[in-house]
Amino acid sequence: MFIKKDKGPAYVALPDGTILFRSELPSPNTTRWVARRKATVVRAVAVGMLSKDEACDMYGLSDEEFNSWLSAMANHGKKGLRVTKLQEYRQL
C-alpha cells in the first residue's frame, strides 16, 4: 500500500481554537468557488499550511484573484467572498 506524503503539515490549529486539516482543503480541480471554499484556502495560506504560490498553482488562481479574496476576507469576513455581494462591497 502506498501513502502519499503531502508537503507541509497535515493539520494546523487556527487562532480561534479550531483545527484545519489538509483533507478539508478543496479539491485541486474545483471549478465552482463558493465563499466557504475560498475562505478555507485563504485561512490555509494565512496559517502557513500552504504558501500563496502553492495555492495559486494548485487551484489555477492568478495573484490578483487570490489577493482580491484576501482583501475581501480581511475587510468583510467570509460574507465578503460571496460573488453576489461583490459589487456592493467594492462600492464601500
Protein backbone atom coordinates (compact mmCIF):
# COMPACT_ATOMS: atom_id res chain seq x y z
CA MET A 1 0.00 0.00 0.00
CA PHE A 2 1.27 3.46 -0.92
CA ILE A 3 0.50 6.50 1.22
CA LYS A 4 1.07 9.85 -0.45
CA LYS A 5 3.01 12.32 1.70
CA ASP A 6 1.94 15.90 1.03
CA LYS A 7 4.17 18.87 1.59
CA GLY A 8 3.52 20.82 4.74
CA PRO A 9 1.66 19.90 7.90
CA ALA A 10 -1.32 17.53 7.93
CA TYR A 11 -3.21 19.94 10.18
CA VAL A 12 -2.82 23.32 11.87
CA ALA A 13 -4.55 24.92 14.83
CA LEU A 14 -6.34 28.15 13.95
CA PRO A 15 -6.34 31.18 16.26
CA ASP A 16 -9.96 30.53 17.25
CA GLY A 17 -9.02 27.07 18.57
CA THR A 18 -10.39 25.01 15.68
CA ILE A 19 -8.20 22.67 13.68
CA LEU A 20 -7.85 22.85 9.90
CA PHE A 21 -6.92 19.53 8.30
CA ARG A 22 -5.30 19.26 4.89
CA SER A 23 -8.17 16.97 3.88
CA GLU A 24 -10.57 19.92 4.37
CA LEU A 25 -8.93 21.86 1.53
CA PRO A 26 -10.98 21.95 -1.69
CA SER A 27 -10.10 19.57 -4.48
CA PRO A 28 -7.42 20.91 -6.88
CA ASN A 29 -9.86 20.58 -9.79
CA THR A 30 -12.54 22.76 -8.15
CA THR A 31 -14.35 24.93 -10.68
CA ARG A 32 -17.23 26.27 -8.58
CA TRP A 33 -15.85 28.57 -5.90
CA VAL A 34 -18.30 29.27 -3.09
CA ALA A 35 -17.42 31.54 -0.17
CA ARG A 36 -16.72 28.60 2.17
CA ARG A 37 -14.11 27.10 -0.18
CA LYS A 38 -12.45 30.46 -0.80
CA ALA A 39 -12.29 31.11 2.96
CA THR A 40 -10.70 27.71 3.57
CA VAL A 41 -7.93 28.41 1.06
CA VAL A 42 -7.32 31.91 2.44
CA ARG A 43 -7.13 30.57 6.02
CA ALA A 44 -4.76 27.77 4.96
CA VAL A 45 -2.39 30.32 3.44
CA ALA A 46 -2.72 32.66 6.44
CA VAL A 47 -1.70 29.98 8.96
CA GLY A 48 1.11 28.57 6.82
CA MET A 49 -0.40 25.29 5.68
CA LEU A 50 0.13 26.40 2.07
CA SER A 51 2.19 29.19 0.60
CA LYS A 52 0.44 31.70 -1.62
CA ASP A 53 2.31 30.38 -4.66
CA GLU A 54 1.36 26.77 -3.86
CA ALA A 55 -2.29 27.75 -3.50
CA CYS A 56 -2.29 29.68 -6.77
CA ASP A 57 -0.61 26.81 -8.63
CA MET A 58 -2.80 24.14 -7.04
CA TYR A 59 -6.08 25.90 -7.81
CA GLY A 60 -5.14 27.76 -11.01
CA LEU A 61 -5.59 31.19 -9.45
CA SER A 62 -3.93 34.40 -10.51
CA ASP A 63 -2.17 36.55 -7.93
CA GLU A 64 -4.78 39.25 -8.50
CA GLU A 65 -7.66 36.86 -7.84
CA PHE A 66 -6.11 35.47 -4.66
CA ASN A 67 -5.27 38.97 -3.43
CA SER A 68 -8.89 40.02 -4.01
CA TRP A 69 -10.06 37.06 -1.87
CA LEU A 70 -7.56 38.04 0.81
CA SER A 71 -8.67 41.68 0.93
CA ALA A 72 -12.38 40.77 0.81
CA MET A 73 -11.91 38.37 3.72
CA ALA A 74 -9.91 40.95 5.69
CA ASN A 75 -12.41 43.77 5.08
CA HIS A 76 -15.75 41.96 5.21
CA GLY A 77 -15.13 38.46 6.56
CA LYS A 78 -16.44 35.31 4.92
CA LYS A 79 -19.50 37.15 3.58
CA GLY A 80 -17.23 39.37 1.52
CA LEU A 81 -16.24 36.36 -0.57
CA ARG A 82 -19.74 35.90 -1.93
CA VAL A 83 -19.95 36.78 -5.62
CA THR A 84 -23.46 38.21 -5.24
CA LYS A 85 -22.15 40.85 -2.81
CA LEU A 86 -19.03 41.71 -4.81
CA GLN A 87 -20.34 44.94 -6.34
CA GLU A 88 -21.89 46.08 -3.09
CA TYR A 89 -18.65 45.62 -1.14
CA ARG A 90 -16.50 47.20 -3.85
CA GLN A 91 -18.51 50.41 -3.63
CA LEU A 92 -17.88 50.79 0.12
